[in-house]
Amino acid sequence: QVQLVESGGGSVQAGGSLRLSCVASVYTTMYQMAWFRQAPGNEREGVAAIETDGSTGYSDSMKGRFTISKDNAKNTLYLQINSLKPEDTAMYYCAAVNSYSSARRRQVAAGQVPHRSFYDYWGQGTQVTVSS
């Protein structure tokens, strides 16, 4: 069974930075992974994605301040967030899938984040709260 455990969230002031981590119970070399977030009353939206070939994609509104990376030796996914804004306040979720999808791969290769329906496994989330 795939388990994903996020950490690194917290309460920060606008302009600050956070690095979120997601430790996987599987070999991340075999899984496509992504970060999503959900604010109260909103749908879960894509933040960033990374394929096993290292290609990455970002939501248009996240480009420039968010960086996704992966340490396969530690089976850990990261999300670096800089210049935090109050509108970044949300629960951040890690997601993973190990099935092949040409549609998903094309989207990430084009620099986009695939829809959440492409991912099968989810963590419990870590809360990020940004105050002005």
Protein backbone atom coordinates (compact mmCIF):
# COMPACT_ATOMS: atom_id res chain seq x y z
CA GLN A 1 0.00 0.00 0.00
CA VAL A 2 1.30 3.41 -0.94
CA GLN A 3 1.62 5.89 1.90
CA LEU A 4 2.48 9.53 1.50
CA VAL A 5 3.26 11.67 4.54
CA GLU A 6 3.56 15.42 4.17
CA SER A 7 5.29 17.80 6.56
CA GLY A 8 6.78 21.26 6.65
CA GLY A 9 3.66 23.37 6.73
CA GLY A 10 3.10 26.10 9.28
CA SER A 11 2.13 29.69 9.93
CA VAL A 12 4.34 32.29 8.29
CA GLN A 13 4.19 35.96 7.42
CA ALA A 14 3.82 37.17 3.87
CA GLY A 15 7.14 37.24 2.08
CA GLY A 16 8.49 34.23 3.93
CA SER A 17 9.43 30.81 2.59
CA LEU A 18 8.58 27.22 3.35
CA ARG A 19 9.81 23.85 2.12
CA LEU A 20 7.22 21.12 2.18
CA SER A 21 8.25 17.47 2.23
CA CYS A 22 6.41 14.30 1.28
CA VAL A 23 7.93 10.99 2.31
CA ALA A 24 6.71 8.03 0.25
CA SER A 25 6.56 4.38 1.31
CA VAL A 26 7.51 3.36 -2.22
CA TYR A 27 10.39 3.98 -4.57
CA THR A 28 9.81 7.42 -5.99
CA THR A 29 11.87 6.44 -9.05
CA MET A 30 8.80 4.49 -10.15
CA TYR A 31 6.13 7.09 -9.40
CA GLN A 32 4.94 10.26 -11.04
CA MET A 33 4.26 12.78 -8.29
CA ALA A 34 2.65 16.13 -7.74
CA TRP A 35 1.58 18.75 -5.23
CA PHE A 36 -1.97 20.05 -4.99
CA ARG A 37 -3.59 22.52 -2.63
CA GLN A 38 -7.08 23.23 -1.39
CA ALA A 39 -8.33 26.32 0.36
CA PRO A 40 -11.64 26.29 2.26
CA GLY A 41 -14.55 26.47 -0.15
CA ASN A 42 -12.33 25.90 -3.18
CA GLU A 43 -11.61 22.91 -5.36
CA ARG A 44 -8.31 21.08 -5.05
CA GLU A 45 -5.98 22.67 -7.56
CA GLY A 46 -2.69 21.59 -9.04
CA VAL A 47 0.48 23.33 -7.93
CA ALA A 48 3.36 21.39 -9.48
CA ALA A 49 4.11 17.98 -10.95
CA ILE A 50 7.18 15.89 -11.67
CA GLU A 51 7.52 12.82 -13.84
CA THR A 52 10.02 9.99 -13.41
CA ASP A 53 12.05 11.39 -16.31
CA GLY A 54 12.53 14.60 -14.32
CA SER A 55 10.24 16.80 -16.37
CA THR A 56 8.26 19.29 -14.31
CA GLY A 57 5.09 21.29 -14.71
CA TYR A 58 3.57 24.18 -12.80
CA SER A 59 0.24 25.91 -12.63
CA ASP A 60 0.51 29.24 -14.43
CA SER A 61 -0.16 31.19 -11.24
CA MET A 62 2.55 29.27 -9.38
CA LYS A 63 5.40 29.72 -11.80
CA GLY A 64 8.36 31.58 -10.39
CA ARG A 65 7.65 31.13 -6.67
CA PHE A 66 7.18 27.37 -6.44
CA THR A 67 9.80 24.71 -7.12
CA ILE A 68 9.14 20.98 -7.11
CA SER A 69 11.98 18.52 -6.66
CA LYS A 70 12.55 14.94 -5.65
CA ASP A 71 15.26 13.04 -3.79
CA ASN A 72 14.94 9.45 -4.93
CA ALA A 73 17.56 8.26 -2.45
CA LYS A 74 15.23 9.39 0.33
CA ASN A 75 11.97 8.65 -1.50
CA THR A 76 10.98 12.21 -0.74
CA LEU A 77 9.19 14.86 -2.76
CA TYR A 78 9.71 18.55 -1.98
CA LEU A 79 7.94 21.81 -2.69
CA GLN A 80 9.87 25.03 -2.11
CA ILE A 81 7.61 28.06 -1.80
CA ASN A 82 9.12 31.54 -1.78
CA SER A 83 7.60 35.00 -1.37
CA LEU A 84 4.53 33.55 0.30
CA LYS A 85 1.27 35.44 -0.06
CA PRO A 86 -1.92 35.26 2.03
CA GLU A 87 -3.67 33.67 -0.95
CA ASP A 88 -1.26 30.72 -0.67
CA THR A 89 -3.06 29.73 2.53
CA ALA A 90 -4.35 26.20 1.97
CA MET A 91 -3.91 22.54 2.79
CA TYR A 92 -1.14 21.17 0.58
CA TYR A 93 -1.35 17.57 -0.60
CA CYS A 94 1.16 15.22 -2.11
CA ALA A 95 -0.07 12.84 -4.82
CA ALA A 96 1.42 9.92 -6.72
CA VAL A 97 0.67 7.45 -9.48
CA ASN A 98 2.72 4.71 -11.12
CA SER A 99 0.61 3.94 -14.17
CA TYR A 100 1.60 5.25 -17.56
CA SER A 101 -0.52 7.94 -19.16
CA SER A 102 0.57 9.59 -22.37
CA ALA A 103 -1.89 12.43 -21.73
CA ARG A 104 -0.45 13.12 -18.30
CA ARG A 105 3.12 12.92 -19.54
CA ARG A 106 2.39 15.31 -22.41
CA GLN A 107 0.92 17.85 -20.02
CA VAL A 108 3.89 17.79 -17.68
CA ALA A 109 6.31 17.89 -20.62
CA ALA A 110 4.45 21.02 -21.74
CA GLY A 111 5.05 22.56 -18.32
CA GLN A 112 1.52 22.02 -17.02
CA VAL A 113 0.04 20.24 -14.00
CA PRO A 114 -2.31 17.35 -14.82
CA HIS A 115 -5.77 17.22 -13.30
CA ARG A 116 -6.03 15.55 -9.91
CA SER A 117 -7.91 12.62 -11.46
CA PHE A 118 -4.61 11.40 -12.95
CA TYR A 119 -3.25 10.58 -9.48
CA ASP A 120 -4.22 7.52 -7.44
CA TYR A 121 -2.54 8.02 -4.08
CA TRP A 122 -2.83 10.97 -1.71
CA GLY A 123 -1.35 12.10 1.56
CA GLN A 124 -3.26 13.64 4.44
CA GLY A 125 -1.97 17.12 3.75
CA THR A 126 0.01 19.78 5.56
CA GLN A 127 -1.48 23.17 6.37
CA VAL A 128 0.13 26.39 5.19
CA THR A 129 -1.18 29.64 6.66
CA VAL A 130 0.19 32.97 5.50
CA SER A 131 -0.60 36.17 7.38
CA SER A 132 -0.28 39.65 5.97
